[in-house]
PDB file of all heavy atoms in Angstrom:
ATOM      1  N   GLU A   1      74.558  24.292  47.174  1.00  0.00           N
ATOM      2  CA  GLU A   1      74.296  22.971  46.613  1.00  0.00           C
ATOM      3  C   GLU A   1      74.936  21.912  47.489  1.00  0.00           C
ATOM      4  O   GLU A   1      75.505  22.212  48.524  1.00  0.00           O
ATOM      5  CB  GLU A   1      74.830  22.896  45.182  1.00  0.00           C
ATOM      6  CG  GLU A   1      74.086  23.801  44.209  1.00  0.00           C
ATOM      7  CD  GLU A   1      74.487  23.526  42.780  1.00  0.00           C
ATOM      8  OE1 GLU A   1      74.234  22.411  42.297  1.00  0.00           O
ATOM      9  OE2 GLU A   1      75.067  24.424  42.163  1.00  0.00           O
ATOM     10  N   GLY A   2      74.878  20.688  47.024  1.00  0.00           N
ATOM     11  CA  GLY A   2      75.326  19.574  47.849  1.00  0.00           C
ATOM     12  C   GLY A   2      76.804  19.284  47.803  1.00  0.00           C
ATOM     13  O   GLY A   2      77.215  18.112  47.732  1.00  0.00           O
ATOM     14  N   PHE A   3      77.643  20.310  47.849  1.00  0.00           N
ATOM     15  CA  PHE A   3      79.085  20.087  47.887  1.00  0.00           C
ATOM     16  C   PHE A   3      79.508  19.659  49.283  1.00  0.00           C
ATOM     17  O   PHE A   3      78.937  20.082  50.284  1.00  0.00           O
ATOM     18  CB  PHE A   3      79.838  21.355  47.478  1.00  0.00           C
ATOM     19  CG  PHE A   3      79.633  21.744  46.047  1.00  0.00           C
ATOM     20  CD1 PHE A   3      78.742  22.746  45.703  1.00  0.00           C
ATOM     21  CD2 PHE A   3      80.309  21.087  45.037  1.00  0.00           C
ATOM     22  CE1 PHE A   3      78.530  23.100  44.391  1.00  0.00           C
ATOM     23  CE2 PHE A   3      80.106  21.422  43.704  1.00  0.00           C
ATOM     24  CZ  PHE A   3      79.206  22.425  43.383  1.00  0.00           C
ATOM     25  N   ASP A   4      80.545  18.855  49.323  1.00  0.00           N
ATOM     26  CA  ASP A   4      81.111  18.466  50.618  1.00  0.00           C
ATOM     27  C   ASP A   4      82.020  19.570  51.160  1.00  0.00           C
ATOM     28  O   ASP A   4      82.063  19.806  52.369  1.00  0.00           O
ATOM     29  CB  ASP A   4      81.894  17.161  50.478  1.00  0.00           C
ATOM     30  CG  ASP A   4      81.008  16.018  50.050  1.00  0.00           C
ATOM     31  OD1 ASP A   4      80.234  15.530  50.895  1.00  0.00           O
ATOM     32  OD2 ASP A   4      81.058  15.619  48.874  1.00  0.00           O
ATOM     33  N   LEU A   5      82.727  20.230  50.240  1.00  0.00           N
ATOM     34  CA  LEU A   5      83.698  21.245  50.642  1.00  0.00           C
ATOM     35  C   LEU A   5      83.731  22.348  49.590  1.00  0.00           C
ATOM     36  O   LEU A   5      83.738  22.073  48.391  1.00  0.00           O
ATOM     37  CB  LEU A   5      85.086  20.617  50.787  1.00  0.00           C
ATOM     38  CG  LEU A   5      86.264  21.549  51.093  1.00  0.00           C
ATOM     39  CD1 LEU A   5      86.101  22.234  52.445  1.00  0.00           C
ATOM     40  CD2 LEU A   5      87.579  20.759  51.054  1.00  0.00           C
ATOM     41  N   VAL A   6      83.746  23.591  50.049  1.00  0.00           N
ATOM     42  CA  VAL A   6      83.925  24.750  49.170  1.00  0.00           C
ATOM     43  C   VAL A   6      85.159  25.507  49.639  1.00  0.00           C
ATOM     44  O   VAL A   6      85.284  25.831  50.827  1.00  0.00           O
ATOM     45  CB  VAL A   6      82.694  25.680  49.189  1.00  0.00           C
ATOM     46  CG1 VAL A   6      82.945  26.913  48.324  1.00  0.00           C
ATOM     47  CG2 VAL A   6      81.452  24.942  48.709  1.00  0.00           C
ATOM     48  N   LEU A   7      86.086  25.782  48.702  1.00  0.00           N
ATOM     49  CA  LEU A   7      87.312  26.510  49.020  1.00  0.00           C
ATOM     50  C   LEU A   7      87.269  27.868  48.335  1.00  0.00           C
ATOM     51  O   LEU A   7      87.120  27.955  47.111  1.00  0.00           O
ATOM     52  CB  LEU A   7      88.536  25.714  48.551  1.00  0.00           C
ATOM     53  CG  LEU A   7      88.698  24.335  49.191  1.00  0.00           C
ATOM     54  CD1 LEU A   7      89.908  23.610  48.606  1.00  0.00           C
ATOM     55  CD2 LEU A   7      88.825  24.444  50.705  1.00  0.00           C
ATOM     56  N   SER A   8      87.397  28.926  49.137  1.00  0.00           N
ATOM     57  CA  SER A   8      87.264  30.295  48.632  1.00  0.00           C
ATOM     58  C   SER A   8      88.365  31.193  49.174  1.00  0.00           C
ATOM     59  O   SER A   8      89.153  30.799  50.045  1.00  0.00           O
ATOM     60  CB  SER A   8      85.899  30.880  49.035  1.00  0.00           C
ATOM     61  OG  SER A   8      84.841  30.191  48.425  1.00  0.00           O
ATOM     62  N   GLY A   9      88.390  32.405  48.656  1.00  0.00           N
ATOM     63  CA  GLY A   9      89.308  33.441  49.129  1.00  0.00           C
ATOM     64  C   GLY A   9      88.596  34.775  49.083  1.00  0.00           C
ATOM     65  O   GLY A   9      87.551  34.949  49.665  1.00  0.00           O
ATOM     66  N   HIS A  10      89.207  35.727  48.358  1.00  0.00           N
ATOM     67  CA  HIS A  10      88.609  37.023  48.029  1.00  0.00           C
ATOM     68  C   HIS A  10      88.542  38.007  49.196  1.00  0.00           C
ATOM     69  O   HIS A  10      88.798  39.201  49.020  1.00  0.00           O
ATOM     70  CB  HIS A  10      87.202  36.815  47.452  1.00  0.00           C
ATOM     71  CG  HIS A  10      86.558  38.063  46.926  1.00  0.00           C
ATOM     72  ND1 HIS A  10      87.145  38.862  45.956  1.00  0.00           N
ATOM     73  CD2 HIS A  10      85.380  38.676  47.236  1.00  0.00           C
ATOM     74  CE1 HIS A  10      86.357  39.887  45.685  1.00  0.00           C
ATOM     75  NE2 HIS A  10      85.286  39.802  46.452  1.00  0.00           N
ATOM     76  N   THR A  11      88.194  37.555  50.376  1.00  0.00           N
ATOM     77  CA  THR A  11      87.984  38.477  51.501  1.00  0.00           C
ATOM     78  C   THR A  11      89.281  38.966  52.130  1.00  0.00           C
ATOM     79  O   THR A  11      89.284  39.970  52.845  1.00  0.00           O
ATOM     80  CB  THR A  11      87.158  37.807  52.612  1.00  0.00           C
ATOM     81  OG1 THR A  11      87.928  36.753  53.202  1.00  0.00           O
ATOM     82  CG2 THR A  11      85.854  37.242  52.067  1.00  0.00           C
ATOM     83  N   HIS A  12      90.388  38.244  51.902  1.00  0.00           N
ATOM     84  CA  HIS A  12      91.671  38.508  52.576  1.00  0.00           C
ATOM     85  C   HIS A  12      91.521  38.424  54.090  1.00  0.00           C
ATOM     86  O   HIS A  12      92.329  38.985  54.827  1.00  0.00           O
ATOM     87  CB  HIS A  12      92.256  39.875  52.207  1.00  0.00           C
ATOM     88  CG  HIS A  12      92.411  40.102  50.744  1.00  0.00           C
ATOM     89  ND1 HIS A  12      92.697  41.324  50.198  1.00  0.00           N
ATOM     90  CD2 HIS A  12      92.304  39.263  49.681  1.00  0.00           C
ATOM     91  CE1 HIS A  12      92.767  41.242  48.888  1.00  0.00           C
ATOM     92  NE2 HIS A  12      92.524  39.979  48.549  1.00  0.00           N
ATOM     93  N   GLY A  13      90.483  37.750  54.528  1.00  0.00           N
ATOM     94  CA  GLY A  13      90.218  37.686  55.956  1.00  0.00           C
ATOM     95  C   GLY A  13      89.867  39.045  56.536  1.00  0.00           C
ATOM     96  O   GLY A  13      89.864  39.238  57.747  1.00  0.00           O
ATOM     97  N   GLY A  14      89.549  39.996  55.636  1.00  0.00           N
ATOM     98  CA  GLY A  14      89.250  41.357  56.075  1.00  0.00           C
ATOM     99  C   GLY A  14      90.486  42.237  56.136  1.00  0.00           C
ATOM    100  O   GLY A  14      90.366  43.458  56.274  1.00  0.00           O
ATOM    101  N   GLN A  15      91.681  41.596  56.064  1.00  0.00           N
ATOM    102  CA  GLN A  15      92.969  42.280  56.216  1.00  0.00           C
ATOM    103  C   GLN A  15      93.137  42.876  57.604  1.00  0.00           C
ATOM    104  O   GLN A  15      94.137  42.625  58.269  1.00  0.00           O
ATOM    105  CB  GLN A  15      93.178  43.353  55.125  1.00  0.00           C
ATOM    106  CG  GLN A  15      93.348  42.740  53.750  1.00  0.00           C
ATOM    107  CD  GLN A  15      93.809  43.712  52.686  1.00  0.00           C
ATOM    108  OE1 GLN A  15      93.402  43.601  51.561  1.00  0.00           O
ATOM    109  NE2 GLN A  15      94.669  44.644  53.026  1.00  0.00           N
ATOM    110  N   VAL A  16      92.179  43.647  58.040  1.00  0.00           N
ATOM    111  CA  VAL A  16      92.222  44.188  59.406  1.00  0.00           C
ATOM    112  C   VAL A  16      91.157  43.478  60.233  1.00  0.00           C
ATOM    113  O   VAL A  16      89.979  43.503  59.904  1.00  0.00           O
ATOM    114  CB  VAL A  16      91.971  45.713  59.418  1.00  0.00           C
ATOM    115  CG1 VAL A  16      91.947  46.225  60.849  1.00  0.00           C
ATOM    116  CG2 VAL A  16      93.034  46.428  58.593  1.00  0.00           C
ATOM    117  N   ARG A  17      91.598  42.830  61.305  1.00  0.00           N
ATOM    118  CA  ARG A  17      90.685  42.075  62.158  1.00  0.00           C
ATOM    119  C   ARG A  17      90.809  42.536  63.612  1.00  0.00           C
ATOM    120  O   ARG A  17      91.849  43.071  64.020  1.00  0.00           O
ATOM    121  CB  ARG A  17      90.976  40.571  62.082  1.00  0.00           C
ATOM    122  CG  ARG A  17      90.819  39.998  60.679  1.00  0.00           C
ATOM    123  CD  ARG A  17      91.148  38.504  60.635  1.00  0.00           C
ATOM    124  NE  ARG A  17      90.198  37.702  61.382  1.00  0.00           N
ATOM    125  CZ  ARG A  17      89.052  37.254  60.872  1.00  0.00           C
ATOM    126  NH1 ARG A  17      88.716  37.530  59.628  1.00  0.00           N
ATOM    127  NH2 ARG A  17      88.245  36.509  61.601  1.00  0.00           N
ATOM    128  N   ILE A  18      89.767  42.298  64.358  1.00  0.00           N
ATOM    129  CA  ILE A  18      89.767  42.560  65.784  1.00  0.00           C
ATOM    130  C   ILE A  18      89.638  41.215  66.494  1.00  0.00           C
ATOM    131  O   ILE A  18      88.750  40.428  66.144  1.00  0.00           O
ATOM    132  CB  ILE A  18      88.589  43.469  66.197  1.00  0.00           C
ATOM    133  CG1 ILE A  18      88.716  44.836  65.523  1.00  0.00           C
ATOM    134  CG2 ILE A  18      88.527  43.631  67.712  1.00  0.00           C
ATOM    135  CD1 ILE A  18      87.562  45.759  65.791  1.00  0.00           C
ATOM    136  N   PRO A  19      90.521  40.919  67.435  1.00  0.00           N
ATOM    137  CA  PRO A  19      90.403  39.646  68.154  1.00  0.00           C
ATOM    138  C   PRO A  19      89.006  39.422  68.697  1.00  0.00           C
ATOM    139  O   PRO A  19      88.372  40.347  69.218  1.00  0.00           O
ATOM    140  CB  PRO A  19      91.431  39.790  69.285  1.00  0.00           C
ATOM    141  CG  PRO A  19      92.461  40.720  68.725  1.00  0.00           C
ATOM    142  CD  PRO A  19      91.680  41.701  67.887  1.00  0.00           C
ATOM    143  N   TYR A  20      88.511  38.199  68.533  1.00  0.00           N
ATOM    144  CA  TYR A  20      87.182  37.748  68.944  1.00  0.00           C
ATOM    145  C   TYR A  20      86.102  38.191  67.953  1.00  0.00           C
ATOM    146  O   TYR A  20      85.289  37.399  67.510  1.00  0.00           O
ATOM    147  CB  TYR A  20      86.809  38.228  70.346  1.00  0.00           C
ATOM    148  CG  TYR A  20      85.430  37.730  70.782  1.00  0.00           C
ATOM    149  CD1 TYR A  20      85.254  36.397  71.171  1.00  0.00           C
ATOM    150  CD2 TYR A  20      84.322  38.580  70.758  1.00  0.00           C
ATOM    151  CE1 TYR A  20      83.997  35.930  71.537  1.00  0.00           C
ATOM    152  CE2 TYR A  20      83.071  38.121  71.124  1.00  0.00           C
ATOM    153  CZ  TYR A  20      82.909  36.797  71.516  1.00  0.00           C
ATOM    154  OH  TYR A  20      81.670  36.337  71.866  1.00  0.00           O
ATOM    155  N   PHE A  21      86.080  39.473  67.548  1.00  0.00           N
ATOM    156  CA  PHE A  21      85.042  39.978  66.647  1.00  0.00           C
ATOM    157  C   PHE A  21      85.306  39.617  65.188  1.00  0.00           C
ATOM    158  O   PHE A  21      84.388  39.469  64.402  1.00  0.00           O
ATOM    159  CB  PHE A  21      84.907  41.493  66.781  1.00  0.00           C
ATOM    160  CG  PHE A  21      84.354  41.920  68.108  1.00  0.00           C
ATOM    161  CD1 PHE A  21      85.196  42.411  69.095  1.00  0.00           C
ATOM    162  CD2 PHE A  21      82.998  41.813  68.378  1.00  0.00           C
ATOM    163  CE1 PHE A  21      84.699  42.799  70.322  1.00  0.00           C
ATOM    164  CE2 PHE A  21      82.479  42.198  69.603  1.00  0.00           C
ATOM    165  CZ  PHE A  21      83.334  42.689  70.584  1.00  0.00           C
ATOM    166  N   GLY A  22      86.599  39.487  64.795  1.00  0.00           N
ATOM    167  CA  GLY A  22      86.939  39.096  63.435  1.00  0.00           C
ATOM    168  C   GLY A  22      87.021  40.278  62.490  1.00  0.00           C
ATOM    169  O   GLY A  22      87.382  41.401  62.870  1.00  0.00           O
ATOM    170  N   GLN A  23      86.652  40.016  61.215  1.00  0.00           N
ATOM    171  CA  GLN A  23      86.751  41.023  60.167  1.00  0.00           C
ATOM    172  C   GLN A  23      85.870  42.225  60.477  1.00  0.00           C
ATOM    173  O   GLN A  23      84.719  42.084  60.884  1.00  0.00           O
ATOM    174  CB  GLN A  23      86.343  40.405  58.831  1.00  0.00           C
ATOM    175  CG  GLN A  23      86.384  41.346  57.650  1.00  0.00           C
ATOM    176  CD  GLN A  23      85.992  40.659  56.352  1.00  0.00           C
ATOM    177  OE1 GLN A  23      85.905  39.443  56.287  1.00  0.00           O
ATOM    178  NE2 GLN A  23      85.757  41.435  55.301  1.00  0.00           N
ATOM    179  N   ILE A  24      86.399  43.430  60.238  1.00  0.00           N
ATOM    180  CA  ILE A  24      85.653  44.650  60.549  1.00  0.00           C
ATOM    181  C   ILE A  24      84.622  44.965  59.467  1.00  0.00           C
ATOM    182  O   ILE A  24      83.452  45.202  59.751  1.00  0.00           O
ATOM    183  CB  ILE A  24      86.617  45.836  60.718  1.00  0.00           C
ATOM    184  CG1 ILE A  24      87.533  45.599  61.928  1.00  0.00           C
ATOM    185  CG2 ILE A  24      85.836  47.139  60.913  1.00  0.00           C
ATOM    186  CD1 ILE A  24      88.605  46.649  62.095  1.00  0.00           C
ATOM    187  N   VAL A  25      85.075  44.976  58.195  1.00  0.00           N
ATOM    188  CA  VAL A  25      84.165  45.340  57.109  1.00  0.00           C
ATOM    189  C   VAL A  25      84.485  44.490  55.884  1.00  0.00           C
ATOM    190  O   VAL A  25      85.643  44.160  55.635  1.00  0.00           O
ATOM    191  CB  VAL A  25      84.276  46.853  56.783  1.00  0.00           C
ATOM    192  CG1 VAL A  25      85.670  47.197  56.301  1.00  0.00           C
ATOM    193  CG2 VAL A  25      83.230  47.281  55.769  1.00  0.00           C
ATOM    194  N   ASP A  26      83.464  44.099  55.105  1.00  0.00           N
ATOM    195  CA  ASP A  26      83.697  43.270  53.933  1.00  0.00           C
ATOM    196  C   ASP A  26      83.726  44.113  52.656  1.00  0.00           C
ATOM    197  O   ASP A  26      83.630  45.343  52.697  1.00  0.00           O
ATOM    198  CB  ASP A  26      82.658  42.150  53.832  1.00  0.00           C
ATOM    199  CG  ASP A  26      81.257  42.654  53.486  1.00  0.00           C
ATOM    200  OD1 ASP A  26      81.093  43.862  53.227  1.00  0.00           O
ATOM    201  OD2 ASP A  26      80.331  41.827  53.484  1.00  0.00           O
ATOM    202  N   HIS A  27      83.861  43.438  51.497  1.00  0.00           N
ATOM    203  CA  HIS A  27      83.965  44.137  50.220  1.00  0.00           C
ATOM    204  C   HIS A  27      82.697  44.939  49.900  1.00  0.00           C
ATOM    205  O   HIS A  27      82.733  45.886  49.132  1.00  0.00           O
ATOM    206  CB  HIS A  27      84.228  43.139  49.092  1.00  0.00           C
ATOM    207  CG  HIS A  27      85.640  42.659  49.033  1.00  0.00           C
ATOM    208  ND1 HIS A  27      86.227  41.938  50.044  1.00  0.00           N
ATOM    209  CD2 HIS A  27      86.594  42.796  48.076  1.00  0.00           C
ATOM    210  CE1 HIS A  27      87.469  41.650  49.723  1.00  0.00           C
ATOM    211  NE2 HIS A  27      87.718  42.149  48.527  1.00  0.00           N
ATOM    212  N   GLY A  28      81.584  44.521  50.480  1.00  0.00           N
ATOM    213  CA  GLY A  28      80.331  45.221  50.232  1.00  0.00           C
ATOM    214  C   GLY A  28      80.039  46.298  51.258  1.00  0.00           C
ATOM    215  O   GLY A  28      78.916  46.801  51.336  1.00  0.00           O
ATOM    216  N   MET A  29      81.073  46.630  52.047  1.00  0.00           N
ATOM    217  CA  MET A  29      80.960  47.649  53.093  1.00  0.00           C
ATOM    218  C   MET A  29      79.941  47.272  54.165  1.00  0.00           C
ATOM    219  O   MET A  29      79.260  48.120  54.734  1.00  0.00           O
ATOM    220  CB  MET A  29      80.620  49.019  52.488  1.00  0.00           C
ATOM    221  CG  MET A  29      81.674  49.546  51.531  1.00  0.00           C
ATOM    222  SD  MET A  29      83.356  49.569  52.242  1.00  0.00           S
ATOM    223  CE  MET A  29      83.175  50.856  53.489  1.00  0.00           C
ATOM    224  N   LYS A  30      79.839  45.967  54.451  1.00  0.00           N
ATOM    225  CA  LYS A  30      79.018  45.502  55.558  1.00  0.00           C
ATOM    226  C   LYS A  30      79.927  45.241  56.746  1.00  0.00           C
ATOM    227  O   LYS A  30      80.970  44.599  56.617  1.00  0.00           O
ATOM    228  CB  LYS A  30      78.268  44.232  55.178  1.00  0.00           C
ATOM    229  CG  LYS A  30      77.231  44.433  54.082  1.00  0.00           C
ATOM    230  CD  LYS A  30      76.529  43.118  53.765  1.00  0.00           C
ATOM    231  CE  LYS A  30      75.501  43.313  52.667  1.00  0.00           C
ATOM    232  NZ  LYS A  30      74.832  42.030  52.318  1.00  0.00           N
ATOM    233  N   PHE A  31      79.536  45.716  57.909  1.00  0.00           N
ATOM    234  CA  PHE A  31      80.371  45.578  59.089  1.00  0.00           C
ATOM    235  C   PHE A  31      80.206  44.198  59.721  1.00  0.00           C
ATOM    236  O   PHE A  31      79.106  43.650  59.791  1.00  0.00           O
ATOM    237  CB  PHE A  31      80.050  46.674  60.103  1.00  0.00           C
ATOM    238  CG  PHE A  31      80.554  48.022  59.699  1.00  0.00           C
ATOM    239  CD1 PHE A  31      79.727  48.923  59.020  1.00  0.00           C
ATOM    240  CD2 PHE A  31      81.866  48.393  59.959  1.00  0.00           C
ATOM    241  CE1 PHE A  31      80.190  50.165  58.632  1.00  0.00           C
ATOM    242  CE2 PHE A  31      82.347  49.636  59.577  1.00  0.00           C
ATOM    243  CZ  PHE A  31      81.504  50.521  58.910  1.00  0.00           C
ATOM    244  N   PHE A  32      81.346  43.648  60.173  1.00  0.00           N
ATOM    245  CA  PHE A  32      81.414  42.366  60.861  1.00  0.00           C
ATOM    246  C   PHE A  32      80.632  41.275  60.105  1.00  0.00           C
ATOM    247  O   PHE A  32      79.639  40.739  60.609  1.00  0.00           O
ATOM    248  CB  PHE A  32      80.922  42.494  62.302  1.00  0.00           C
ATOM    249  CG  PHE A  32      81.709  43.502  63.101  1.00  0.00           C
ATOM    250  CD1 PHE A  32      81.160  44.737  63.425  1.00  0.00           C
ATOM    251  CD2 PHE A  32      83.002  43.222  63.504  1.00  0.00           C
ATOM    252  CE1 PHE A  32      81.899  45.677  64.144  1.00  0.00           C
ATOM    253  CE2 PHE A  32      83.747  44.152  64.225  1.00  0.00           C
ATOM    254  CZ  PHE A  32      83.199  45.370  64.541  1.00  0.00           C
ATOM    255  N   PRO A  33      81.071  40.965  58.882  1.00  0.00           N
ATOM    256  CA  PRO A  33      80.365  39.957  58.081  1.00  0.00           C
ATOM    257  C   PRO A  33      80.422  38.585  58.732  1.00  0.00           C
ATOM    258  O   PRO A  33      81.356  38.254  59.468  1.00  0.00           O
ATOM    259  CB  PRO A  33      81.135  39.970  56.758  1.00  0.00           C
ATOM    260  CG  PRO A  33      82.500  40.462  57.130  1.00  0.00           C
ATOM    261  CD  PRO A  33      82.280  41.460  58.223  1.00  0.00           C
ATOM    262  N   LYS A  34      79.429  37.783  58.434  1.00  0.00           N
ATOM    263  CA  LYS A  34      79.315  36.446  59.022  1.00  0.00           C
ATOM    264  C   LYS A  34      80.412  35.516  58.518  1.00  0.00           C
ATOM    265  O   LYS A  34      80.943  34.696  59.272  1.00  0.00           O
ATOM    266  CB  LYS A  34      77.938  35.866  58.705  1.00  0.00           C
ATOM    267  CG  LYS A  34      77.681  34.501  59.332  1.00  0.00           C
ATOM    268  CD  LYS A  34      76.268  34.029  59.049  1.00  0.00           C
ATOM    269  CE  LYS A  34      75.995  32.667  59.692  1.00  0.00           C
ATOM    270  NZ  LYS A  34      74.618  32.206  59.426  1.00  0.00           N
ATOM    271  N   TYR A  35      80.747  35.642  57.232  1.00  0.00           N
ATOM    272  CA  TYR A  35      81.758  34.760  56.629  1.00  0.00           C
ATOM    273  C   TYR A  35      82.951  35.596  56.178  1.00  0.00           C
ATOM    274  O   TYR A  35      82.814  36.444  55.309  1.00  0.00           O
ATOM    275  CB  TYR A  35      81.162  34.015  55.434  1.00  0.00           C
ATOM    276  CG  TYR A  35      79.940  33.197  55.782  1.00  0.00           C
ATOM    277  CD1 TYR A  35      78.662  33.647  55.451  1.00  0.00           C
ATOM    278  CD2 TYR A  35      80.061  31.978  56.443  1.00  0.00           C
ATOM    279  CE1 TYR A  35      77.534  32.902  55.772  1.00  0.00           C
ATOM    280  CE2 TYR A  35      78.944  31.224  56.769  1.00  0.00           C
ATOM    281  CZ  TYR A  35      77.690  31.690  56.431  1.00  0.00           C
ATOM    282  OH  TYR A  35      76.572  30.940  56.757  1.00  0.00           O
ATOM    283  N   SER A  36      84.121  35.356  56.778  1.00  0.00           N
ATOM    284  CA  SER A  36      85.277  36.175  56.426  1.00  0.00           C
ATOM    285  C   SER A  36      86.576  35.389  56.341  1.00  0.00           C
ATOM    286  O   SER A  36      87.412  35.638  55.478  1.00  0.00           O
ATOM    287  CB  SER A  36      85.443  37.314  57.437  1.00  0.00           C
ATOM    288  OG  SER A  36      85.665  36.799  58.741  1.00  0.00           O
TER     289      SER A  36
END
């Protein structure tokens, strides 16, 4: 929707990240999610 800003959490940033690639797997077991 037309929000200016959305503030979220939940992902923990993936907890385990790889430099440059980012989060490895999300809560839905999808690898390298777009939003983390």
